[in-house]
Amino acid sequence: MENAELSPTALFRALQGLKYRGIFKGVNALLMGRNAGQRQADFSDKTILAQLFSDAPFPVIYDADIGHLPPNMTLLNGALADIRIDRGQVSITQQLLP
């Protein structure tokens, strides 16, 4: 996921709505791209994600090199992704299945 235009409060409400609707049940991880939306010093992406997902049974990765801000690696919609984190280095392998 990424935030291309939302204010911090709008991002919080959008993610909270998805959480309340059960969208994140069964996910293995949440990958958030670098924020291209509005910024607010006292309500950062990290703060928003911590408030919403501190009890999540999956890892939350934020400020990833995906989305609208460079370096912006492309993620293929519908592809399976294998994400590996080792000593602060992240690698993503994508696979499209027939």
PDB file of N, CA and C in Angstrom:
ATOM      1  N   MET A   1       0.846  -1.169   0.000  1.00  0.00           N
ATOM      2  CA  MET A   1       0.000   0.000   0.000  1.00  0.00           C
ATOM      3  C   MET A   1       0.892   1.232   0.000  1.00  0.00           C
ATOM      4  N   GLU A   2       0.269   2.353  -0.341  1.00  0.00           N
ATOM      5  CA  GLU A   2       0.977   3.626  -0.264  1.00  0.00           C
ATOM      6  C   GLU A   2      -0.028   4.752  -0.059  1.00  0.00           C
ATOM      7  N   ASN A   3       0.485   5.884   0.360  1.00  0.00           N
ATOM      8  CA  ASN A   3      -0.337   7.078   0.505  1.00  0.00           C
ATOM      9  C   ASN A   3       0.170   8.119  -0.475  1.00  0.00           C
ATOM     10  N   ALA A   4      -0.597   8.377  -1.523  1.00  0.00           N
ATOM     11  CA  ALA A   4      -0.177   9.334  -2.540  1.00  0.00           C
ATOM     12  C   ALA A   4      -0.695  10.746  -2.269  1.00  0.00           C
ATOM     13  N   GLU A   5      -1.836  10.890  -1.582  1.00  0.00           N
ATOM     14  CA  GLU A   5      -2.430  12.215  -1.453  1.00  0.00           C
ATOM     15  C   GLU A   5      -3.104  12.509  -0.119  1.00  0.00           C
ATOM     16  N   LEU A   6      -3.308  11.525   0.719  1.00  0.00           N
ATOM     17  CA  LEU A   6      -4.096  11.741   1.929  1.00  0.00           C
ATOM     18  C   LEU A   6      -3.327  12.500   3.002  1.00  0.00           C
ATOM     19  N   SER A   7      -4.063  13.305   3.755  1.00  0.00           N
ATOM     20  CA  SER A   7      -3.490  13.944   4.938  1.00  0.00           C
ATOM     21  C   SER A   7      -3.273  12.857   5.990  1.00  0.00           C
ATOM     22  N   PRO A   8      -2.469  13.112   7.014  1.00  0.00           N
ATOM     23  CA  PRO A   8      -2.275  12.096   8.046  1.00  0.00           C
ATOM     24  C   PRO A   8      -3.578  11.636   8.696  1.00  0.00           C
ATOM     25  N   THR A   9      -4.483  12.547   8.980  1.00  0.00           N
ATOM     26  CA  THR A   9      -5.745  12.130   9.610  1.00  0.00           C
ATOM     27  C   THR A   9      -6.611  11.325   8.640  1.00  0.00           C
ATOM     28  N   ALA A  10      -6.605  11.691   7.370  1.00  0.00           N
ATOM     29  CA  ALA A  10      -7.376  10.927   6.378  1.00  0.00           C
ATOM     30  C   ALA A  10      -6.767   9.539   6.187  1.00  0.00           C
ATOM     31  N   LEU A  11      -5.436   9.437   6.211  1.00  0.00           N
ATOM     32  CA  LEU A  11      -4.779   8.139   6.110  1.00  0.00           C
ATOM     33  C   LEU A  11      -5.156   7.268   7.299  1.00  0.00           C
ATOM     34  N   PHE A  12      -5.119   7.848   8.497  1.00  0.00           N
ATOM     35  CA  PHE A  12      -5.503   7.104   9.699  1.00  0.00           C
ATOM     36  C   PHE A  12      -6.918   6.563   9.567  1.00  0.00           C
ATOM     37  N   ARG A  13      -7.859   7.420   9.169  1.00  0.00           N
ATOM     38  CA  ARG A  13      -9.259   6.989   9.028  1.00  0.00           C
ATOM     39  C   ARG A  13      -9.419   5.920   7.960  1.00  0.00           C
ATOM     40  N   ALA A  14      -8.701   6.057   6.841  1.00  0.00           N
ATOM     41  CA  ALA A  14      -8.801   5.067   5.764  1.00  0.00           C
ATOM     42  C   ALA A  14      -8.291   3.706   6.224  1.00  0.00           C
ATOM     43  N   LEU A  15      -7.115   3.680   6.859  1.00  0.00           N
ATOM     44  CA  LEU A  15      -6.559   2.415   7.340  1.00  0.00           C
ATOM     45  C   LEU A  15      -7.397   1.830   8.463  1.00  0.00           C
ATOM     46  N   GLN A  16      -7.914   2.689   9.336  1.00  0.00           N
ATOM     47  CA  GLN A  16      -8.775   2.222  10.423  1.00  0.00           C
ATOM     48  C   GLN A  16     -10.043   1.593   9.865  1.00  0.00           C
ATOM     49  N   GLY A  17     -10.620   2.203   8.845  1.00  0.00           N
ATOM     50  CA  GLY A  17     -11.810   1.644   8.210  1.00  0.00           C
ATOM     51  C   GLY A  17     -11.542   0.277   7.605  1.00  0.00           C
ATOM     52  N   LEU A  18     -10.393   0.137   6.932  1.00  0.00           N
ATOM     53  CA  LEU A  18     -10.024  -1.165   6.368  1.00  0.00           C
ATOM     54  C   LEU A  18      -9.828  -2.199   7.470  1.00  0.00           C
ATOM     55  N   LYS A  19      -9.206  -1.777   8.557  1.00  0.00           N
ATOM     56  CA  LYS A  19      -8.988  -2.694   9.685  1.00  0.00           C
ATOM     57  C   LYS A  19     -10.320  -3.143  10.278  1.00  0.00           C
ATOM     58  N   TYR A  20     -11.226  -2.201  10.516  1.00  0.00           N
ATOM     59  CA  TYR A  20     -12.530  -2.537  11.105  1.00  0.00           C
ATOM     60  C   TYR A  20     -13.356  -3.446  10.201  1.00  0.00           C
ATOM     61  N   ARG A  21     -13.154  -3.339   8.885  1.00  0.00           N
ATOM     62  CA  ARG A  21     -13.879  -4.202   7.950  1.00  0.00           C
ATOM     63  C   ARG A  21     -13.219  -5.568   7.776  1.00  0.00           C
ATOM     64  N   GLY A  22     -12.110  -5.802   8.468  1.00  0.00           N
ATOM     65  CA  GLY A  22     -11.461  -7.105   8.424  1.00  0.00           C
ATOM     66  C   GLY A  22     -10.561  -7.336   7.227  1.00  0.00           C
ATOM     67  N   ILE A  23     -10.210  -6.281   6.519  1.00  0.00           N
ATOM     68  CA  ILE A  23      -9.397  -6.422   5.314  1.00  0.00           C
ATOM     69  C   ILE A  23      -8.026  -7.028   5.625  1.00  0.00           C
ATOM     70  N   PHE A  24      -7.497  -6.777   6.823  1.00  0.00           N
ATOM     71  CA  PHE A  24      -6.156  -7.240   7.158  1.00  0.00           C
ATOM     72  C   PHE A  24      -6.128  -8.618   7.810  1.00  0.00           C
ATOM     73  N   LYS A  25      -7.286  -9.235   7.970  1.00  0.00           N
ATOM     74  CA  LYS A  25      -7.304 -10.592   8.522  1.00  0.00           C
ATOM     75  C   LYS A  25      -6.719 -11.550   7.489  1.00  0.00           C
ATOM     76  N   GLY A  26      -5.791 -12.353   7.929  1.00  0.00           N
ATOM     77  CA  GLY A  26      -5.203 -13.336   7.042  1.00  0.00           C
ATOM     78  C   GLY A  26      -4.023 -12.843   6.226  1.00  0.00           C
ATOM     79  N   VAL A  27      -3.640 -11.561   6.351  1.00  0.00           N
ATOM     80  CA  VAL A  27      -2.462 -11.109   5.617  1.00  0.00           C
ATOM     81  C   VAL A  27      -1.210 -11.566   6.349  1.00  0.00           C
ATOM     82  N   ASN A  28      -0.132 -11.715   5.610  1.00  0.00           N
ATOM     83  CA  ASN A  28       1.141 -12.134   6.202  1.00  0.00           C
ATOM     84  C   ASN A  28       2.019 -10.956   6.590  1.00  0.00           C
ATOM     85  N   ALA A  29       1.780  -9.798   5.968  1.00  0.00           N
ATOM     86  CA  ALA A  29       2.560  -8.598   6.260  1.00  0.00           C
ATOM     87  C   ALA A  29       1.860  -7.399   5.627  1.00  0.00           C
ATOM     88  N   LEU A  30       2.174  -6.223   6.143  1.00  0.00           N
ATOM     89  CA  LEU A  30       1.692  -4.980   5.547  1.00  0.00           C
ATOM     90  C   LEU A  30       2.919  -4.199   5.105  1.00  0.00           C
ATOM     91  N   LEU A  31       2.977  -3.897   3.825  1.00  0.00           N
ATOM     92  CA  LEU A  31       4.092  -3.168   3.241  1.00  0.00           C
ATOM     93  C   LEU A  31       3.581  -1.804   2.805  1.00  0.00           C
ATOM     94  N   MET A  32       4.084  -0.750   3.442  1.00  0.00           N
ATOM     95  CA  MET A  32       3.661   0.620   3.123  1.00  0.00           C
ATOM     96  C   MET A  32       4.797   1.338   2.415  1.00  0.00           C
ATOM     97  N   GLY A  33       4.465   1.942   1.285  1.00  0.00           N
ATOM     98  CA  GLY A  33       5.458   2.697   0.536  1.00  0.00           C
ATOM     99  C   GLY A  33       5.732   4.050   1.166  1.00  0.00           C
ATOM    100  N   ARG A  34       6.748   4.702   0.638  1.00  0.00           N
ATOM    101  CA  ARG A  34       7.108   6.035   1.112  1.00  0.00           C
ATOM    102  C   ARG A  34       5.938   6.987   0.907  1.00  0.00           C
ATOM    103  N   ASN A  35       5.688   7.830   1.878  1.00  0.00           N
ATOM    104  CA  ASN A  35       4.518   8.702   1.873  1.00  0.00           C
ATOM    105  C   ASN A  35       4.701   9.882   0.930  1.00  0.00           C
ATOM    106  N   ALA A  36       3.848   9.983  -0.078  1.00  0.00           N
ATOM    107  CA  ALA A  36       3.851  11.127  -0.987  1.00  0.00           C
ATOM    108  C   ALA A  36       2.753  12.112  -0.602  1.00  0.00           C
ATOM    109  N   GLY A  37       1.959  11.786   0.414  1.00  0.00           N
ATOM    110  CA  GLY A  37       0.866  12.652   0.857  1.00  0.00           C
ATOM    111  C   GLY A  37       1.353  13.771   1.750  1.00  0.00           C
ATOM    112  N   GLN A  38       0.415  14.461   2.316  1.00  0.00           N
ATOM    113  CA  GLN A  38       0.733  15.569   3.214  1.00  0.00           C
ATOM    114  C   GLN A  38       1.423  15.049   4.463  1.00  0.00           C
ATOM    115  N   ARG A  39       2.213  15.895   5.070  1.00  0.00           N
ATOM    116  CA  ARG A  39       2.941  15.496   6.282  1.00  0.00           C
ATOM    117  C   ARG A  39       2.530  16.380   7.451  1.00  0.00           C
ATOM    118  N   GLN A  40       2.633  15.794   8.625  1.00  0.00           N
ATOM    119  CA  GLN A  40       2.316  16.514   9.855  1.00  0.00           C
ATOM    120  C   GLN A  40       3.305  16.005  10.904  1.00  0.00           C
ATOM    121  N   ALA A  41       4.135  16.888  11.436  1.00  0.00           N
ATOM    122  CA  ALA A  41       5.253  16.485  12.296  1.00  0.00           C
ATOM    123  C   ALA A  41       4.822  15.635  13.487  1.00  0.00           C
ATOM    124  N   ASP A  42       3.692  15.963  14.108  1.00  0.00           N
ATOM    125  CA  ASP A  42       3.296  15.253  15.319  1.00  0.00           C
ATOM    126  C   ASP A  42       2.399  14.044  15.055  1.00  0.00           C
ATOM    127  N   PHE A  43       2.156  13.722  13.789  1.00  0.00           N
ATOM    128  CA  PHE A  43       1.302  12.578  13.452  1.00  0.00           C
ATOM    129  C   PHE A  43       1.887  11.913  12.212  1.00  0.00           C
ATOM    130  N   SER A  44       3.010  11.237  12.385  1.00  0.00           N
ATOM    131  CA  SER A  44       3.764  10.647  11.276  1.00  0.00           C
ATOM    132  C   SER A  44       3.163   9.310  10.850  1.00  0.00           C
ATOM    133  N   ASP A  45       3.638   8.814   9.721  1.00  0.00           N
ATOM    134  CA  ASP A  45       3.227   7.486   9.258  1.00  0.00           C
ATOM    135  C   ASP A  45       3.540   6.433  10.311  1.00  0.00           C
ATOM    136  N   LYS A  46       4.716   6.538  10.899  1.00  0.00           N
ATOM    137  CA  LYS A  46       5.126   5.566  11.914  1.00  0.00           C
ATOM    138  C   LYS A  46       4.160   5.592  13.099  1.00  0.00           C
ATOM    139  N   THR A  47       3.745   6.774  13.518  1.00  0.00           N
ATOM    140  CA  THR A  47       2.787   6.916  14.619  1.00  0.00           C
ATOM    141  C   THR A  47       1.440   6.307  14.249  1.00  0.00           C
ATOM    142  N   ILE A  48       0.978   6.587  13.051  1.00  0.00           N
ATOM    143  CA  ILE A  48      -0.310   6.060  12.583  1.00  0.00           C
ATOM    144  C   ILE A  48      -0.281   4.534  12.553  1.00  0.00           C
ATOM    145  N   LEU A  49       0.751   3.974  11.955  1.00  0.00           N
ATOM    146  CA  LEU A  49       0.853   2.514  11.845  1.00  0.00           C
ATOM    147  C   LEU A  49       1.000   1.866  13.213  1.00  0.00           C
ATOM    148  N   ALA A  50       1.756   2.495  14.112  1.00  0.00           N
ATOM    149  CA  ALA A  50       1.916   1.946  15.462  1.00  0.00           C
ATOM    150  C   ALA A  50       0.587   1.943  16.212  1.00  0.00           C
ATOM    151  N   GLN A  51      -0.184   3.007  16.078  1.00  0.00           N
ATOM    152  CA  GLN A  51      -1.478   3.076  16.765  1.00  0.00           C
ATOM    153  C   GLN A  51      -2.453   2.032  16.224  1.00  0.00           C
ATOM    154  N   LEU A  52      -2.453   1.839  14.937  1.00  0.00           N
ATOM    155  CA  LEU A  52      -3.430   0.936  14.327  1.00  0.00           C
ATOM    156  C   LEU A  52      -3.017  -0.539  14.362  1.00  0.00           C
ATOM    157  N   PHE A  53      -1.716  -0.808  14.289  1.00  0.00           N
ATOM    158  CA  PHE A  53      -1.282  -2.185  14.100  1.00  0.00           C
ATOM    159  C   PHE A  53      -0.340  -2.699  15.190  1.00  0.00           C
ATOM    160  N   SER A  54      -0.316  -2.061  16.346  1.00  0.00           N
ATOM    161  CA  SER A  54       0.569  -2.530  17.422  1.00  0.00           C
ATOM    162  C   SER A  54       0.184  -3.930  17.895  1.00  0.00           C
ATOM    163  N   ASP A  55      -1.081  -4.296  17.721  1.00  0.00           N
ATOM    164  CA  ASP A  55      -1.543  -5.623  18.140  1.00  0.00           C
ATOM    165  C   ASP A  55      -1.659  -6.607  16.979  1.00  0.00           C
ATOM    166  N   ALA A  56      -1.166  -6.226  15.812  1.00  0.00           N
ATOM    167  CA  ALA A  56      -1.311  -7.073  14.619  1.00  0.00           C
ATOM    168  C   ALA A  56      -0.418  -8.308  14.720  1.00  0.00           C
ATOM    169  N   PRO A  57      -0.912  -9.445  14.227  1.00  0.00           N
ATOM    170  CA  PRO A  57      -0.118 -10.674  14.254  1.00  0.00           C
ATOM    171  C   PRO A  57       0.834 -10.783  13.059  1.00  0.00           C
ATOM    172  N   PHE A  58       1.060  -9.674  12.360  1.00  0.00           N
ATOM    173  CA  PHE A  58       1.925  -9.670  11.184  1.00  0.00           C
ATOM    174  C   PHE A  58       2.875  -8.481  11.262  1.00  0.00           C
ATOM    175  N   PRO A  59       4.020  -8.571  10.566  1.00  0.00           N
ATOM    176  CA  PRO A  59       4.938  -7.432  10.560  1.00  0.00           C
ATOM    177  C   PRO A  59       4.400  -6.295   9.697  1.00  0.00           C
ATOM    178  N   VAL A  60       4.739  -5.075  10.084  1.00  0.00           N
ATOM    179  CA  VAL A  60       4.393  -3.875   9.319  1.00  0.00           C
ATOM    180  C   VAL A  60       5.705  -3.229   8.885  1.00  0.00           C
ATOM    181  N   ILE A  61       5.882  -3.131   7.589  1.00  0.00           N
ATOM    182  CA  ILE A  61       7.079  -2.524   7.009  1.00  0.00           C
ATOM    183  C   ILE A  61       6.635  -1.197   6.407  1.00  0.00           C
ATOM    184  N   TYR A  62       7.302  -0.117   6.782  1.00  0.00           N
ATOM    185  CA  TYR A  62       6.900   1.190   6.267  1.00  0.00           C
ATOM    186  C   TYR A  62       8.095   1.902   5.636  1.00  0.00           C
ATOM    187  N   ASP A  63       7.799   2.929   4.860  1.00  0.00           N
ATOM    188  CA  ASP A  63       8.808   3.715   4.155  1.00  0.00           C
ATOM    189  C   ASP A  63       9.558   2.858   3.135  1.00  0.00           C
ATOM    190  N   ALA A  64       8.842   1.914   2.521  1.00  0.00           N
ATOM    191  CA  ALA A  64       9.443   1.030   1.517  1.00  0.00           C
ATOM    192  C   ALA A  64       9.648   1.774   0.196  1.00  0.00           C
ATOM    193  N   ASP A  65      10.572   1.294  -0.604  1.00  0.00           N
ATOM    194  CA  ASP A  65      10.899   1.915  -1.894  1.00  0.00           C
ATOM    195  C   ASP A  65       9.882   1.558  -2.967  1.00  0.00           C
ATOM    196  N   ILE A  66       8.621   1.794  -2.689  1.00  0.00           N
ATOM    197  CA  ILE A  66       7.546   1.560  -3.655  1.00  0.00           C
ATOM    198  C   ILE A  66       6.659   2.794  -3.687  1.00  0.00           C
ATOM    199  N   GLY A  67       5.904   2.943  -4.742  1.00  0.00           N
ATOM    200  CA  GLY A  67       4.932   4.029  -4.797  1.00  0.00           C
ATOM    201  C   GLY A  67       5.360   5.177  -5.684  1.00  0.00           C
ATOM    202  N   HIS A  68       4.950   6.388  -5.280  1.00  0.00           N
ATOM    203  CA  HIS A  68       5.129   7.570  -6.116  1.00  0.00           C
ATOM    204  C   HIS A  68       6.458   8.298  -5.921  1.00  0.00           C
ATOM    205  N   LEU A  69       7.190   7.996  -4.864  1.00  0.00           N
ATOM    206  CA  LEU A  69       8.444   8.706  -4.610  1.00  0.00           C
ATOM    207  C   LEU A  69       9.642   7.814  -4.931  1.00  0.00           C
ATOM    208  N   PRO A  70      10.661   8.369  -5.578  1.00  0.00           N
ATOM    209  CA  PRO A  70      11.832   7.573  -5.916  1.00  0.00           C
ATOM    210  C   PRO A  70      12.642   7.218  -4.670  1.00  0.00           C
ATOM    211  N   PRO A  71      13.373   6.104  -4.697  1.00  0.00           N
ATOM    212  CA  PRO A  71      13.338   5.120  -5.776  1.00  0.00           C
ATOM    213  C   PRO A  71      12.052   4.310  -5.675  1.00  0.00           C
ATOM    214  N   ASN A  72      11.314   4.237  -6.727  1.00  0.00           N
ATOM    215  CA  ASN A  72       9.985   3.625  -6.675  1.00  0.00           C
ATOM    216  C   ASN A  72       9.932   2.338  -7.495  1.00  0.00           C
ATOM    217  N   MET A  73      10.216   1.251  -6.803  1.00  0.00           N
ATOM    218  CA  MET A  73      10.134  -0.067  -7.403  1.00  0.00           C
ATOM    219  C   MET A  73       8.661  -0.400  -7.662  1.00  0.00           C
ATOM    220  N   THR A  74       8.397  -1.080  -8.732  1.00  0.00           N
ATOM    221  CA  THR A  74       7.032  -1.444  -9.095  1.00  0.00           C
ATOM    222  C   THR A  74       6.652  -2.783  -8.470  1.00  0.00           C
ATOM    223  N   LEU A  75       5.494  -2.827  -7.847  1.00  0.00           N
ATOM    224  CA  LEU A  75       4.919  -4.084  -7.389  1.00  0.00           C
ATOM    225  C   LEU A  75       3.781  -4.439  -8.332  1.00  0.00           C
ATOM    226  N   LEU A  76       3.730  -5.668  -8.768  1.00  0.00           N
ATOM    227  CA  LEU A  76       2.705  -6.104  -9.713  1.00  0.00           C
ATOM    228  C   LEU A  76       1.437  -6.488  -8.962  1.00  0.00           C
ATOM    229  N   ASN A  77       0.329  -5.906  -9.348  1.00  0.00           N
ATOM    230  CA  ASN A  77      -0.955  -6.214  -8.728  1.00  0.00           C
ATOM    231  C   ASN A  77      -1.324  -7.660  -9.005  1.00  0.00           C
ATOM    232  N   GLY A  78      -1.582  -8.412  -7.959  1.00  0.00           N
ATOM    233  CA  GLY A  78      -1.956  -9.807  -8.104  1.00  0.00           C
ATOM    234  C   GLY A  78      -0.790 -10.775  -8.019  1.00  0.00           C
ATOM    235  N   ALA A  79       0.435 -10.271  -7.994  1.00  0.00           N
ATOM    236  CA  ALA A  79       1.593 -11.159  -7.908  1.00  0.00           C
ATOM    237  C   ALA A  79       1.817 -11.591  -6.463  1.00  0.00           C
ATOM    238  N   LEU A  80       2.348 -12.781  -6.300  1.00  0.00           N
ATOM    239  CA  LEU A  80       2.771 -13.228  -4.975  1.00  0.00           C
ATOM    240  C   LEU A  80       4.140 -12.622  -4.717  1.00  0.00           C
ATOM    241  N   ALA A  81       4.347 -12.119  -3.518  1.00  0.00           N
ATOM    242  CA  ALA A  81       5.623 -11.496  -3.192  1.00  0.00           C
ATOM    243  C   ALA A  81       6.253 -12.203  -2.001  1.00  0.00           C
ATOM    244  N   ASP A  82       7.527 -12.468  -2.116  1.00  0.00           N
ATOM    245  CA  ASP A  82       8.310 -13.018  -1.022  1.00  0.00           C
ATOM    246  C   ASP A  82       9.215 -11.895  -0.541  1.00  0.00           C
ATOM    247  N   ILE A  83       9.030 -11.468   0.705  1.00  0.00           N
ATOM    248  CA  ILE A  83       9.795 -10.357   1.258  1.00  0.00           C
ATOM    249  C   ILE A  83      10.743 -10.910   2.316  1.00  0.00           C
ATOM    250  N   ARG A  84      12.005 -10.597   2.171  1.00  0.00           N
ATOM    251  CA  ARG A  84      13.027 -11.056   3.116  1.00  0.00           C
ATOM    252  C   ARG A  84      13.725  -9.845   3.719  1.00  0.00           C
ATOM    253  N   ILE A  85      13.901  -9.872   5.026  1.00  0.00           N
ATOM    254  CA  ILE A  85      14.610  -8.806   5.726  1.00  0.00           C
ATOM    255  C   ILE A  85      15.775  -9.438   6.464  1.00  0.00           C
ATOM    256  N   ASP A  86      16.981  -8.925   6.190  1.00  0.00           N
ATOM    257  CA  ASP A  86      18.173  -9.446   6.838  1.00  0.00           C
ATOM    258  C   ASP A  86      19.100  -8.283   7.165  1.00  0.00           C
ATOM    259  N   ARG A  87      19.267  -8.004   8.444  1.00  0.00           N
ATOM    260  CA  ARG A  87      20.148  -6.924   8.917  1.00  0.00           C
ATOM    261  C   ARG A  87      19.839  -5.594   8.242  1.00  0.00           C
ATOM    262  N   GLY A  88      18.567  -5.265   8.155  1.00  0.00           N
ATOM    263  CA  GLY A  88      18.158  -3.986   7.590  1.00  0.00           C
ATOM    264  C   GLY A  88      18.089  -3.952   6.074  1.00  0.00           C
ATOM    265  N   GLN A  89      18.473  -5.018   5.419  1.00  0.00           N
ATOM    266  CA  GLN A  89      18.386  -5.101   3.962  1.00  0.00           C
ATOM    267  C   GLN A  89      17.130  -5.873   3.586  1.00  0.00           C
ATOM    268  N   VAL A  90      16.360  -5.313   2.674  1.00  0.00           N
ATOM    269  CA  VAL A  90      15.098  -5.931   2.274  1.00  0.00           C
ATOM    270  C   VAL A  90      15.186  -6.345   0.811  1.00  0.00           C
ATOM    271  N   SER A  91      14.697  -7.541   0.526  1.00  0.00           N
ATOM    272  CA  SER A  91      14.600  -7.984  -0.868  1.00  0.00           C
ATOM    273  C   SER A  91      13.170  -8.479  -1.109  1.00  0.00           C
ATOM    274  N   ILE A  92      12.682  -8.211  -2.310  1.00  0.00           N
ATOM    275  CA  ILE A  92      11.336  -8.632  -2.701  1.00  0.00           C
ATOM    276  C   ILE A  92      11.440  -9.393  -4.014  1.00  0.00           C
ATOM    277  N   THR A  93      10.875 -10.597  -4.025  1.00  0.00           N
ATOM    278  CA  THR A  93      10.781 -11.403  -5.239  1.00  0.00           C
ATOM    279  C   THR A  93       9.305 -11.577  -5.555  1.00  0.00           C
ATOM    280  N   GLN A  94       8.922 -11.229  -6.778  1.00  0.00           N
ATOM    281  CA  GLN A  94       7.520 -11.331  -7.171  1.00  0.00           C
ATOM    282  C   GLN A  94       7.345 -12.463  -8.177  1.00  0.00           C
ATOM    283  N   GLN A  95       6.175 -13.094  -8.104  1.00  0.00           N
ATOM    284  CA  GLN A  95       5.895 -14.210  -9.010  1.00  0.00           C
ATOM    285  C   GLN A  95       4.423 -14.138  -9.428  1.00  0.00           C
ATOM    286  N   LEU A  96       4.214 -14.109 -10.730  1.00  0.00           N
ATOM    287  CA  LEU A  96       2.848 -14.181 -11.266  1.00  0.00           C
ATOM    288  C   LEU A  96       2.509 -15.629 -11.541  1.00  0.00           C
ATOM    289  N   LEU A  97       1.405 -16.077 -11.021  1.00  0.00           N
ATOM    290  CA  LEU A  97       0.958 -17.447 -11.252  1.00  0.00           C
ATOM    291  C   LEU A  97      -0.174 -17.449 -12.275  1.00  0.00           C
ATOM    292  N   PRO A  98      -0.246 -18.501 -13.091  1.00  0.00           N
ATOM    293  CA  PRO A  98      -1.314 -18.562 -14.105  1.00  0.00           C
ATOM    294  C   PRO A  98      -2.685 -18.720 -13.465  1.00  0.00           C
TER     295      PRO A  98
END
